[in-house]
Structure formats: structure tokens, C-alpha cells
Amino acid sequence: MFSELFTAATAIDAPRGIAKNPQSRALYAADIMLSWHKSRN
């Protein structure tokens, strides 16, 4: 899930996506929950 999120967030140039910057490093916290999901059977 995190991989898909950051792929989506960096796939499009700024301002619609996170911009490239070799000087940048960032720390985030992601809050998640777990849910029951019915997939086929």
C-alpha cells in the first residue's frame, strides 16, 4: 500500500506531485487501520 501511494505521489510533476530535490529528506507518520474485506470467495 505504501509503495503504491508513493508511486502515485511522485508519478506527476509538482504541484500535483512531490518534486524531485537531492537536498530533501523527509520523515512522515502514516496512520492505518485494518479492515475485513470480502474478495471473491
PDB file of all heavy atoms in Angstrom:
ATOM      1  N   MET A   1       0.836  -1.200   0.000  1.00  0.00           N
ATOM      2  CA  MET A   1       0.000   0.000   0.000  1.00  0.00           C
ATOM      3  C   MET A   1       0.876   1.257   0.000  1.00  0.00           C
ATOM      4  O   MET A   1       0.649   2.188  -0.799  1.00  0.00           O
ATOM      5  CB  MET A   1      -0.918  -0.003   1.221  1.00  0.00           C
ATOM      6  CG  MET A   1      -1.690   1.289   1.451  1.00  0.00           C
ATOM      7  SD  MET A   1      -2.657   1.268   2.991  1.00  0.00           S
ATOM      8  CE  MET A   1      -1.345   1.325   4.213  1.00  0.00           C
ATOM      9  N   PHE A   2       1.882   1.309   0.866  1.00  0.00           N
ATOM     10  CA  PHE A   2       2.756   2.477   0.923  1.00  0.00           C
ATOM     11  C   PHE A   2       3.510   2.669  -0.393  1.00  0.00           C
ATOM     12  O   PHE A   2       3.696   3.790  -0.868  1.00  0.00           O
ATOM     13  CB  PHE A   2       3.744   2.357   2.084  1.00  0.00           C
ATOM     14  CG  PHE A   2       3.122   2.475   3.450  1.00  0.00           C
ATOM     15  CD1 PHE A   2       3.570   1.704   4.513  1.00  0.00           C
ATOM     16  CD2 PHE A   2       2.079   3.361   3.670  1.00  0.00           C
ATOM     17  CE1 PHE A   2       2.997   1.827   5.767  1.00  0.00           C
ATOM     18  CE2 PHE A   2       1.503   3.488   4.931  1.00  0.00           C
ATOM     19  CZ  PHE A   2       1.962   2.708   5.981  1.00  0.00           C
ATOM     20  N   SER A   3       3.940   1.556  -0.978  1.00  0.00           N
ATOM     21  CA  SER A   3       4.650   1.633  -2.251  1.00  0.00           C
ATOM     22  C   SER A   3       3.748   2.220  -3.340  1.00  0.00           C
ATOM     23  O   SER A   3       4.176   3.086  -4.129  1.00  0.00           O
ATOM     24  CB  SER A   3       5.135   0.238  -2.655  1.00  0.00           C
ATOM     25  OG  SER A   3       5.745   0.266  -3.916  1.00  0.00           O
ATOM     26  N   GLU A   4       2.498   1.783  -3.377  1.00  0.00           N
ATOM     27  CA  GLU A   4       1.558   2.307  -4.369  1.00  0.00           C
ATOM     28  C   GLU A   4       1.272   3.788  -4.132  1.00  0.00           C
ATOM     29  O   GLU A   4       1.145   4.571  -5.082  1.00  0.00           O
ATOM     30  CB  GLU A   4       0.262   1.491  -4.338  1.00  0.00           C
ATOM     31  CG  GLU A   4       0.430   0.075  -4.869  1.00  0.00           C
ATOM     32  CD  GLU A   4      -0.834  -0.767  -4.733  1.00  0.00           C
ATOM     33  OE1 GLU A   4      -1.855  -0.230  -4.230  1.00  0.00           O
ATOM     34  OE2 GLU A   4      -0.803  -1.945  -5.115  1.00  0.00           O
ATOM     35  N   LEU A   5       1.180   4.174  -2.859  1.00  0.00           N
ATOM     36  CA  LEU A   5       0.931   5.581  -2.546  1.00  0.00           C
ATOM     37  C   LEU A   5       2.070   6.454  -3.051  1.00  0.00           C
ATOM     38  O   LEU A   5       1.840   7.470  -3.724  1.00  0.00           O
ATOM     39  CB  LEU A   5       0.766   5.766  -1.034  1.00  0.00           C
ATOM     40  CG  LEU A   5       0.760   7.227  -0.571  1.00  0.00           C
ATOM     41  CD1 LEU A   5      -0.454   7.974  -1.107  1.00  0.00           C
ATOM     42  CD2 LEU A   5       0.817   7.316   0.956  1.00  0.00           C
ATOM     43  N   PHE A   6       3.319   6.094  -2.731  1.00  0.00           N
ATOM     44  CA  PHE A   6       4.438   6.952  -3.113  1.00  0.00           C
ATOM     45  C   PHE A   6       4.717   6.892  -4.607  1.00  0.00           C
ATOM     46  O   PHE A   6       5.219   7.866  -5.186  1.00  0.00           O
ATOM     47  CB  PHE A   6       5.675   6.613  -2.278  1.00  0.00           C
ATOM     48  CG  PHE A   6       5.635   7.236  -0.905  1.00  0.00           C
ATOM     49  CD1 PHE A   6       5.121   6.522   0.179  1.00  0.00           C
ATOM     50  CD2 PHE A   6       6.045   8.543  -0.704  1.00  0.00           C
ATOM     51  CE1 PHE A   6       5.057   7.107   1.433  1.00  0.00           C
ATOM     52  CE2 PHE A   6       5.979   9.131   0.547  1.00  0.00           C
ATOM     53  CZ  PHE A   6       5.484   8.415   1.618  1.00  0.00           C
ATOM     54  N   THR A   7       4.365   5.792  -5.255  1.00  0.00           N
ATOM     55  CA  THR A   7       4.434   5.753  -6.712  1.00  0.00           C
ATOM     56  C   THR A   7       3.474   6.778  -7.301  1.00  0.00           C
ATOM     57  O   THR A   7       3.819   7.551  -8.201  1.00  0.00           O
ATOM     58  CB  THR A   7       4.088   4.346  -7.234  1.00  0.00           C
ATOM     59  OG1 THR A   7       5.052   3.406  -6.748  1.00  0.00           O
ATOM     60  CG2 THR A   7       4.075   4.312  -8.754  1.00  0.00           C
ATOM     61  N   ALA A   8       2.240   6.818  -6.750  1.00  0.00           N
ATOM     62  CA  ALA A   8       1.240   7.769  -7.232  1.00  0.00           C
ATOM     63  C   ALA A   8       1.638   9.211  -6.919  1.00  0.00           C
ATOM     64  O   ALA A   8       1.407  10.118  -7.724  1.00  0.00           O
ATOM     65  CB  ALA A   8      -0.114   7.450  -6.603  1.00  0.00           C
ATOM     66  N   ALA A   9       2.247   9.417  -5.753  1.00  0.00           N
ATOM     67  CA  ALA A   9       2.572  10.776  -5.312  1.00  0.00           C
ATOM     68  C   ALA A   9       3.770  11.361  -6.041  1.00  0.00           C
ATOM     69  O   ALA A   9       3.969  12.582  -6.028  1.00  0.00           O
ATOM     70  CB  ALA A   9       2.831  10.788  -3.806  1.00  0.00           C
ATOM     71  N   THR A  10       4.586  10.512  -6.666  1.00  0.00           N
ATOM     72  CA  THR A  10       5.781  11.010  -7.354  1.00  0.00           C
ATOM     73  C   THR A  10       5.689  10.819  -8.865  1.00  0.00           C
ATOM     74  O   THR A  10       6.623  11.164  -9.582  1.00  0.00           O
ATOM     75  CB  THR A  10       7.034  10.287  -6.825  1.00  0.00           C
ATOM     76  OG1 THR A  10       6.880   8.862  -7.007  1.00  0.00           O
ATOM     77  CG2 THR A  10       7.250  10.570  -5.354  1.00  0.00           C
ATOM     78  N   ALA A  11       4.553  10.292  -9.350  1.00  0.00           N
ATOM     79  CA  ALA A  11       4.421   9.992 -10.778  1.00  0.00           C
ATOM     80  C   ALA A  11       4.161  11.231 -11.609  1.00  0.00           C
ATOM     81  O   ALA A  11       4.426  11.252 -12.812  1.00  0.00           O
ATOM     82  CB  ALA A  11       3.296   8.973 -10.995  1.00  0.00           C
ATOM     83  N   ILE A  12       3.623  12.280 -11.002  1.00  0.00           N
ATOM     84  CA  ILE A  12       3.248  13.500 -11.715  1.00  0.00           C
ATOM     85  C   ILE A  12       4.039  14.665 -11.126  1.00  0.00           C
ATOM     86  O   ILE A  12       4.269  14.735  -9.917  1.00  0.00           O
ATOM     87  CB  ILE A  12       1.728  13.744 -11.593  1.00  0.00           C
ATOM     88  CG1 ILE A  12       0.962  12.568 -12.217  1.00  0.00           C
ATOM     89  CG2 ILE A  12       1.321  15.049 -12.247  1.00  0.00           C
ATOM     90  CD1 ILE A  12      -0.543  12.691 -12.121  1.00  0.00           C
ATOM     91  N   ASP A  13       4.446  15.576 -11.992  1.00  0.00           N
ATOM     92  CA  ASP A  13       5.273  16.706 -11.553  1.00  0.00           C
ATOM     93  C   ASP A  13       4.492  17.639 -10.633  1.00  0.00           C
ATOM     94  O   ASP A  13       3.257  17.688 -10.648  1.00  0.00           O
ATOM     95  CB  ASP A  13       5.775  17.492 -12.762  1.00  0.00           C
ATOM     96  CG  ASP A  13       6.814  16.706 -13.564  1.00  0.00           C
ATOM     97  OD1 ASP A  13       7.423  15.783 -12.990  1.00  0.00           O
ATOM     98  OD2 ASP A  13       6.995  17.012 -14.755  1.00  0.00           O
ATOM     99  N   ALA A  14       5.249  18.402  -9.861  1.00  0.00           N
ATOM    100  CA  ALA A  14       4.668  19.432  -8.991  1.00  0.00           C
ATOM    101  C   ALA A  14       3.900  20.437  -9.855  1.00  0.00           C
ATOM    102  O   ALA A  14       4.266  20.674 -11.004  1.00  0.00           O
ATOM    103  CB  ALA A  14       5.783  20.128  -8.215  1.00  0.00           C
ATOM    104  N   PRO A  15       2.811  21.008  -9.348  1.00  0.00           N
ATOM    105  CA  PRO A  15       2.332  20.928  -7.959  1.00  0.00           C
ATOM    106  C   PRO A  15       1.423  19.739  -7.665  1.00  0.00           C
ATOM    107  O   PRO A  15       0.927  19.617  -6.559  1.00  0.00           O
ATOM    108  CB  PRO A  15       1.558  22.235  -7.808  1.00  0.00           C
ATOM    109  CG  PRO A  15       0.976  22.455  -9.169  1.00  0.00           C
ATOM    110  CD  PRO A  15       2.018  21.986 -10.143  1.00  0.00           C
ATOM    111  N   ARG A  16       1.199  18.843  -8.643  1.00  0.00           N
ATOM    112  CA  ARG A  16       0.297  17.708  -8.418  1.00  0.00           C
ATOM    113  C   ARG A  16       1.018  16.509  -7.813  1.00  0.00           C
ATOM    114  O   ARG A  16       0.388  15.499  -7.519  1.00  0.00           O
ATOM    115  CB  ARG A  16      -0.390  17.327  -9.719  1.00  0.00           C
ATOM    116  CG  ARG A  16      -1.347  18.402 -10.238  1.00  0.00           C
ATOM    117  CD  ARG A  16      -1.770  18.150 -11.661  1.00  0.00           C
ATOM    118  NE  ARG A  16      -2.435  16.864 -11.808  1.00  0.00           N
ATOM    119  CZ  ARG A  16      -2.532  16.208 -12.963  1.00  0.00           C
ATOM    120  NH1 ARG A  16      -1.977  16.724 -14.054  1.00  0.00           N
ATOM    121  NH2 ARG A  16      -3.155  15.047 -13.019  1.00  0.00           N
ATOM    122  N   GLY A  17       2.325  16.624  -7.655  1.00  0.00           N
ATOM    123  CA  GLY A  17       3.100  15.532  -7.073  1.00  0.00           C
ATOM    124  C   GLY A  17       4.276  16.078  -6.291  1.00  0.00           C
ATOM    125  O   GLY A  17       4.618  17.269  -6.387  1.00  0.00           O
ATOM    126  N   ILE A  18       4.917  15.219  -5.512  1.00  0.00           N
ATOM    127  CA  ILE A  18       6.107  15.619  -4.757  1.00  0.00           C
ATOM    128  C   ILE A  18       7.246  15.844  -5.750  1.00  0.00           C
ATOM    129  O   ILE A  18       7.475  15.035  -6.652  1.00  0.00           O
ATOM    130  CB  ILE A  18       6.492  14.536  -3.734  1.00  0.00           C
ATOM    131  CG1 ILE A  18       5.314  14.233  -2.796  1.00  0.00           C
ATOM    132  CG2 ILE A  18       7.708  14.973  -2.922  1.00  0.00           C
ATOM    133  CD1 ILE A  18       5.563  13.059  -1.863  1.00  0.00           C
ATOM    134  N   ALA A  19       7.954  16.958  -5.605  1.00  0.00           N
ATOM    135  CA  ALA A  19       9.001  17.320  -6.565  1.00  0.00           C
ATOM    136  C   ALA A  19      10.345  16.708  -6.186  1.00  0.00           C
ATOM    137  O   ALA A  19      10.655  16.495  -5.012  1.00  0.00           O
ATOM    138  CB  ALA A  19       9.124  18.843  -6.636  1.00  0.00           C
ATOM    139  N   LYS A  20      11.141  16.472  -7.207  1.00  0.00           N
ATOM    140  CA  LYS A  20      12.496  15.959  -7.000  1.00  0.00           C
ATOM    141  C   LYS A  20      13.368  17.042  -6.383  1.00  0.00           C
ATOM    142  O   LYS A  20      13.316  18.210  -6.778  1.00  0.00           O
ATOM    143  CB  LYS A  20      13.086  15.516  -8.341  1.00  0.00           C
ATOM    144  CG  LYS A  20      14.525  15.001  -8.247  1.00  0.00           C
ATOM    145  CD  LYS A  20      15.019  14.492  -9.580  1.00  0.00           C
ATOM    146  CE  LYS A  20      16.439  13.933  -9.444  1.00  0.00           C
ATOM    147  NZ  LYS A  20      16.913  13.332 -10.707  1.00  0.00           N
ATOM    148  N   ASN A  21      14.185  16.634  -5.407  1.00  0.00           N
ATOM    149  CA  ASN A  21      15.158  17.551  -4.813  1.00  0.00           C
ATOM    150  C   ASN A  21      16.233  16.744  -4.093  1.00  0.00           C
ATOM    151  O   ASN A  21      15.965  16.164  -3.030  1.00  0.00           O
ATOM    152  CB  ASN A  21      14.493  18.509  -3.833  1.00  0.00           C
ATOM    153  CG  ASN A  21      15.492  19.522  -3.280  1.00  0.00           C
ATOM    154  OD1 ASN A  21      16.567  19.720  -3.846  1.00  0.00           O
ATOM    155  ND2 ASN A  21      15.151  20.153  -2.168  1.00  0.00           N
ATOM    156  N   PRO A  22      17.439  16.668  -4.649  1.00  0.00           N
ATOM    157  CA  PRO A  22      18.508  15.891  -3.993  1.00  0.00           C
ATOM    158  C   PRO A  22      18.852  16.382  -2.593  1.00  0.00           C
ATOM    159  O   PRO A  22      19.443  15.635  -1.812  1.00  0.00           O
ATOM    160  CB  PRO A  22      19.703  16.067  -4.953  1.00  0.00           C
ATOM    161  CG  PRO A  22      19.085  16.372  -6.284  1.00  0.00           C
ATOM    162  CD  PRO A  22      17.851  17.176  -5.968  1.00  0.00           C
ATOM    163  N   GLN A  23      18.482  17.618  -2.264  1.00  0.00           N
ATOM    164  CA  GLN A  23      18.756  18.127  -0.918  1.00  0.00           C
ATOM    165  C   GLN A  23      17.732  17.665   0.111  1.00  0.00           C
ATOM    166  O   GLN A  23      17.953  17.821   1.311  1.00  0.00           O
ATOM    167  CB  GLN A  23      18.781  19.656  -0.943  1.00  0.00           C
ATOM    168  CG  GLN A  23      19.957  20.258  -1.691  1.00  0.00           C
ATOM    169  CD  GLN A  23      19.964  21.766  -1.590  1.00  0.00           C
ATOM    170  OE1 GLN A  23      19.279  22.453  -2.351  1.00  0.00           O
ATOM    171  NE2 GLN A  23      20.728  22.297  -0.641  1.00  0.00           N
ATOM    172  N   SER A  24      16.620  17.132  -0.336  1.00  0.00           N
ATOM    173  CA  SER A  24      15.498  16.826   0.563  1.00  0.00           C
ATOM    174  C   SER A  24      15.557  15.410   1.118  1.00  0.00           C
ATOM    175  O   SER A  24      15.905  14.449   0.414  1.00  0.00           O
ATOM    176  CB  SER A  24      14.173  17.012  -0.178  1.00  0.00           C
ATOM    177  OG  SER A  24      13.935  18.360  -0.472  1.00  0.00           O
ATOM    178  N   ARG A  25      15.199  15.299   2.359  1.00  0.00           N
ATOM    179  CA  ARG A  25      14.877  14.030   3.013  1.00  0.00           C
ATOM    180  C   ARG A  25      13.641  14.334   3.871  1.00  0.00           C
ATOM    181  O   ARG A  25      13.504  15.448   4.399  1.00  0.00           O
ATOM    182  CB  ARG A  25      16.004  13.529   3.920  1.00  0.00           C
ATOM    183  CG  ARG A  25      17.334  13.318   3.220  1.00  0.00           C
ATOM    184  CD  ARG A  25      17.304  12.117   2.291  1.00  0.00           C
ATOM    185  NE  ARG A  25      18.613  11.828   1.750  1.00  0.00           N
ATOM    186  CZ  ARG A  25      19.113  12.359   0.635  1.00  0.00           C
ATOM    187  NH1 ARG A  25      18.389  13.243  -0.043  1.00  0.00           N
ATOM    188  NH2 ARG A  25      20.314  12.035   0.219  1.00  0.00           N
ATOM    189  N   ALA A  26      12.756  13.369   4.046  1.00  0.00           N
ATOM    190  CA  ALA A  26      11.544  13.670   4.821  1.00  0.00           C
ATOM    191  C   ALA A  26      11.130  12.472   5.651  1.00  0.00           C
ATOM    192  O   ALA A  26      11.324  11.307   5.255  1.00  0.00           O
ATOM    193  CB  ALA A  26      10.410  14.087   3.890  1.00  0.00           C
ATOM    194  N   LEU A  27      10.552  12.792   6.789  1.00  0.00           N
ATOM    195  CA  LEU A  27      10.050  11.781   7.724  1.00  0.00           C
ATOM    196  C   LEU A  27       8.558  12.022   7.918  1.00  0.00           C
ATOM    197  O   LEU A  27       8.144  13.129   8.263  1.00  0.00           O
ATOM    198  CB  LEU A  27      10.783  11.921   9.064  1.00  0.00           C
ATOM    199  CG  LEU A  27      10.510  10.838  10.120  1.00  0.00           C
ATOM    200  CD1 LEU A  27      11.175   9.521   9.704  1.00  0.00           C
ATOM    201  CD2 LEU A  27      11.048  11.274  11.478  1.00  0.00           C
ATOM    202  N   TYR A  28       7.764  10.986   7.687  1.00  0.00           N
ATOM    203  CA  TYR A  28       6.311  11.079   7.854  1.00  0.00           C
ATOM    204  C   TYR A  28       5.847   9.968   8.791  1.00  0.00           C
ATOM    205  O   TYR A  28       6.553   8.984   9.025  1.00  0.00           O
ATOM    206  CB  TYR A  28       5.592  10.915   6.510  1.00  0.00           C
ATOM    207  CG  TYR A  28       6.101  11.775   5.400  1.00  0.00           C
ATOM    208  CD1 TYR A  28       6.799  11.225   4.331  1.00  0.00           C
ATOM    209  CD2 TYR A  28       5.894  13.156   5.408  1.00  0.00           C
ATOM    210  CE1 TYR A  28       7.274  12.009   3.287  1.00  0.00           C
ATOM    211  CE2 TYR A  28       6.360  13.953   4.373  1.00  0.00           C
ATOM    212  CZ  TYR A  28       7.058  13.372   3.312  1.00  0.00           C
ATOM    213  OH  TYR A  28       7.529  14.154   2.299  1.00  0.00           O
ATOM    214  N   ALA A  29       4.652  10.135   9.292  1.00  0.00           N
ATOM    215  CA  ALA A  29       3.999   9.047  10.031  1.00  0.00           C
ATOM    216  C   ALA A  29       2.686   8.733   9.322  1.00  0.00           C
ATOM    217  O   ALA A  29       1.912   9.642   9.024  1.00  0.00           O
ATOM    218  CB  ALA A  29       3.736   9.449  11.480  1.00  0.00           C
ATOM    219  N   ALA A  30       2.473   7.468   9.034  1.00  0.00           N
ATOM    220  CA  ALA A  30       1.247   7.034   8.369  1.00  0.00           C
ATOM    221  C   ALA A  30       0.381   6.298   9.376  1.00  0.00           C
ATOM    222  O   ALA A  30       0.838   5.350  10.022  1.00  0.00           O
ATOM    223  CB  ALA A  30       1.567   6.114   7.195  1.00  0.00           C
ATOM    224  N   ASP A  31      -0.856   6.740   9.525  1.00  0.00           N
ATOM    225  CA  ASP A  31      -1.806   6.063  10.409  1.00  0.00           C
ATOM    226  C   ASP A  31      -2.714   5.187   9.562  1.00  0.00           C
ATOM    227  O   ASP A  31      -3.314   5.651   8.582  1.00  0.00           O
ATOM    228  CB  ASP A  31      -2.638   7.082  11.189  1.00  0.00           C
ATOM    229  CG  ASP A  31      -1.796   7.850  12.189  1.00  0.00           C
ATOM    230  OD1 ASP A  31      -0.736   7.334  12.596  1.00  0.00           O
ATOM    231  OD2 ASP A  31      -2.183   8.979  12.556  1.00  0.00           O
ATOM    232  N   ILE A  32      -2.814   3.922   9.946  1.00  0.00           N
ATOM    233  CA  ILE A  32      -3.626   2.984   9.184  1.00  0.00           C
ATOM    234  C   ILE A  32      -4.515   2.185  10.134  1.00  0.00           C
ATOM    235  O   ILE A  32      -4.279   2.132  11.342  1.00  0.00           O
ATOM    236  CB  ILE A  32      -2.759   2.007   8.356  1.00  0.00           C
ATOM    237  CG1 ILE A  32      -2.068   0.985   9.282  1.00  0.00           C
ATOM    238  CG2 ILE A  32      -1.725   2.744   7.518  1.00  0.00           C
ATOM    239  CD1 ILE A  32      -1.536  -0.219   8.563  1.00  0.00           C
ATOM    240  N   MET A  33      -5.554   1.581   9.572  1.00  0.00           N
ATOM    241  CA  MET A  33      -6.356   0.591  10.276  1.00  0.00           C
ATOM    242  C   MET A  33      -6.429  -0.652   9.406  1.00  0.00           C
ATOM    243  O   MET A  33      -6.052  -0.630   8.230  1.00  0.00           O
ATOM    244  CB  MET A  33      -7.758   1.113  10.573  1.00  0.00           C
ATOM    245  CG  MET A  33      -7.798   2.141  11.680  1.00  0.00           C
ATOM    246  SD  MET A  33      -9.492   2.640  12.092  1.00  0.00           S
ATOM    247  CE  MET A  33     -10.145   1.095  12.717  1.00  0.00           C
ATOM    248  N   LEU A  34      -6.905  -1.724   9.989  1.00  0.00           N
ATOM    249  CA  LEU A  34      -7.112  -2.968   9.253  1.00  0.00           C
ATOM    250  C   LEU A  34      -8.610  -3.243   9.196  1.00  0.00           C
ATOM    251  O   LEU A  34      -9.327  -3.036  10.175  1.00  0.00           O
ATOM    252  CB  LEU A  34      -6.387  -4.130   9.927  1.00  0.00           C
ATOM    253  CG  LEU A  34      -4.876  -3.952  10.115  1.00  0.00           C
ATOM    254  CD1 LEU A  34      -4.289  -5.125  10.903  1.00  0.00           C
ATOM    255  CD2 LEU A  34      -4.174  -3.816   8.770  1.00  0.00           C
ATOM    256  N   SER A  35      -9.062  -3.707   8.038  1.00  0.00           N
ATOM    257  CA  SER A  35     -10.489  -3.965   7.853  1.00  0.00           C
ATOM    258  C   SER A  35     -10.670  -5.328   7.201  1.00  0.00           C
ATOM    259  O   SER A  35      -9.799  -5.808   6.461  1.00  0.00           O
ATOM    260  CB  SER A  35     -11.095  -2.872   6.970  1.00  0.00           C
ATOM    261  OG  SER A  35     -12.451  -3.133   6.697  1.00  0.00           O
ATOM    262  N   TRP A  36     -11.803  -5.950   7.471  1.00  0.00           N
ATOM    263  CA  TRP A  36     -12.146  -7.192   6.789  1.00  0.00           C
ATOM    264  C   TRP A  36     -12.673  -6.846   5.402  1.00  0.00           C
ATOM    265  O   TRP A  36     -13.478  -5.935   5.243  1.00  0.00           O
ATOM    266  CB  TRP A  36     -13.191  -7.980   7.577  1.00  0.00           C
ATOM    267  CG  TRP A  36     -12.688  -8.438   8.920  1.00  0.00           C
ATOM    268  CD1 TRP A  36     -13.061  -7.963  10.137  1.00  0.00           C
ATOM    269  CD2 TRP A  36     -11.714  -9.446   9.167  1.00  0.00           C
ATOM    270  NE1 TRP A  36     -12.378  -8.607  11.142  1.00  0.00           N
ATOM    271  CE2 TRP A  36     -11.534  -9.533  10.569  1.00  0.00           C
ATOM    272  CE3 TRP A  36     -10.944 -10.286   8.343  1.00  0.00           C
ATOM    273  CZ2 TRP A  36     -10.645 -10.423  11.165  1.00  0.00           C
ATOM    274  CZ3 TRP A  36     -10.057 -11.172   8.932  1.00  0.00           C
ATOM    275  CH2 TRP A  36      -9.910 -11.245  10.321  1.00  0.00           C
ATOM    276  N   HIS A  37     -12.194  -7.588   4.416  1.00  0.00           N
ATOM    277  CA  HIS A  37     -12.547  -7.293   3.027  1.00  0.00           C
ATOM    278  C   HIS A  37     -12.890  -8.603   2.328  1.00  0.00           C
ATOM    279  O   HIS A  37     -12.096  -9.556   2.344  1.00  0.00           O
ATOM    280  CB  HIS A  37     -11.362  -6.619   2.332  1.00  0.00           C
ATOM    281  CG  HIS A  37     -11.582  -6.364   0.873  1.00  0.00           C
ATOM    282  ND1 HIS A  37     -12.420  -5.370   0.412  1.00  0.00           N
ATOM    283  CD2 HIS A  37     -11.075  -6.967  -0.232  1.00  0.00           C
ATOM    284  CE1 HIS A  37     -12.413  -5.385  -0.908  1.00  0.00           C
ATOM    285  NE2 HIS A  37     -11.607  -6.344  -1.332  1.00  0.00           N
ATOM    286  N   LYS A  38     -14.083  -8.639   1.744  1.00  0.00           N
ATOM    287  CA  LYS A  38     -14.503  -9.840   1.013  1.00  0.00           C
ATOM    288  C   LYS A  38     -14.053  -9.724  -0.432  1.00  0.00           C
ATOM    289  O   LYS A  38     -14.446  -8.809  -1.149  1.00  0.00           O
ATOM    290  CB  LYS A  38     -16.017 -10.009   1.105  1.00  0.00           C
ATOM    291  CG  LYS A  38     -16.493 -10.368   2.508  1.00  0.00           C
ATOM    292  CD  LYS A  38     -17.996 -10.548   2.567  1.00  0.00           C
ATOM    293  CE  LYS A  38     -18.423 -11.014   3.955  1.00  0.00           C
ATOM    294  NZ  LYS A  38     -18.010 -10.082   5.026  1.00  0.00           N
ATOM    295  N   SER A  39     -13.211 -10.652  -0.851  1.00  0.00           N
ATOM    296  CA  SER A  39     -12.688 -10.674  -2.212  1.00  0.00           C
ATOM    297  C   SER A  39     -13.006 -12.032  -2.816  1.00  0.00           C
ATOM    298  O   SER A  39     -12.465 -13.061  -2.398  1.00  0.00           O
ATOM    299  CB  SER A  39     -11.174 -10.431  -2.203  1.00  0.00           C
ATOM    300  OG  SER A  39     -10.648 -10.495  -3.501  1.00  0.00           O
ATOM    301  N   ARG A  40     -13.925 -12.027  -3.770  1.00  0.00           N
ATOM    302  CA  ARG A  40     -14.410 -13.266  -4.383  1.00  0.00           C
ATOM    303  C   ARG A  40     -14.947 -14.179  -3.296  1.00  0.00           C
ATOM    304  O   ARG A  40     -15.921 -13.864  -2.639  1.00  0.00           O
ATOM    305  CB  ARG A  40     -13.307 -13.920  -5.219  1.00  0.00           C
ATOM    306  CG  ARG A  40     -12.857 -13.025  -6.390  1.00  0.00           C
ATOM    307  CD  ARG A  40     -11.801 -13.693  -7.239  1.00  0.00           C
ATOM    308  NE  ARG A  40     -11.440 -12.834  -8.350  1.00  0.00           N
ATOM    309  CZ  ARG A  40     -10.518 -11.893  -8.292  1.00  0.00           C
ATOM    310  NH1 ARG A  40      -9.846 -11.711  -7.171  1.00  0.00           N
ATOM    311  NH2 ARG A  40     -10.250 -11.130  -9.332  1.00  0.00           N
ATOM    312  N   ASN A  41     -14.296 -15.324  -3.059  1.00  0.00           N
ATOM    313  CA  ASN A  41     -14.856 -16.287  -2.105  1.00  0.00           C
ATOM    314  C   ASN A  41     -14.097 -16.317  -0.779  1.00  0.00           C
ATOM    315  O   ASN A  41     -14.300 -17.230   0.021  1.00  0.00           O
ATOM    316  CB  ASN A  41     -14.862 -17.700  -2.722  1.00  0.00           C
ATOM    317  CG  ASN A  41     -15.773 -17.782  -3.928  1.00  0.00           C
ATOM    318  OD1 ASN A  41     -16.848 -17.180  -3.930  1.00  0.00           O
ATOM    319  ND2 ASN A  41     -15.350 -18.509  -4.947  1.00  0.00           N
TER     320      ASN A  41
END
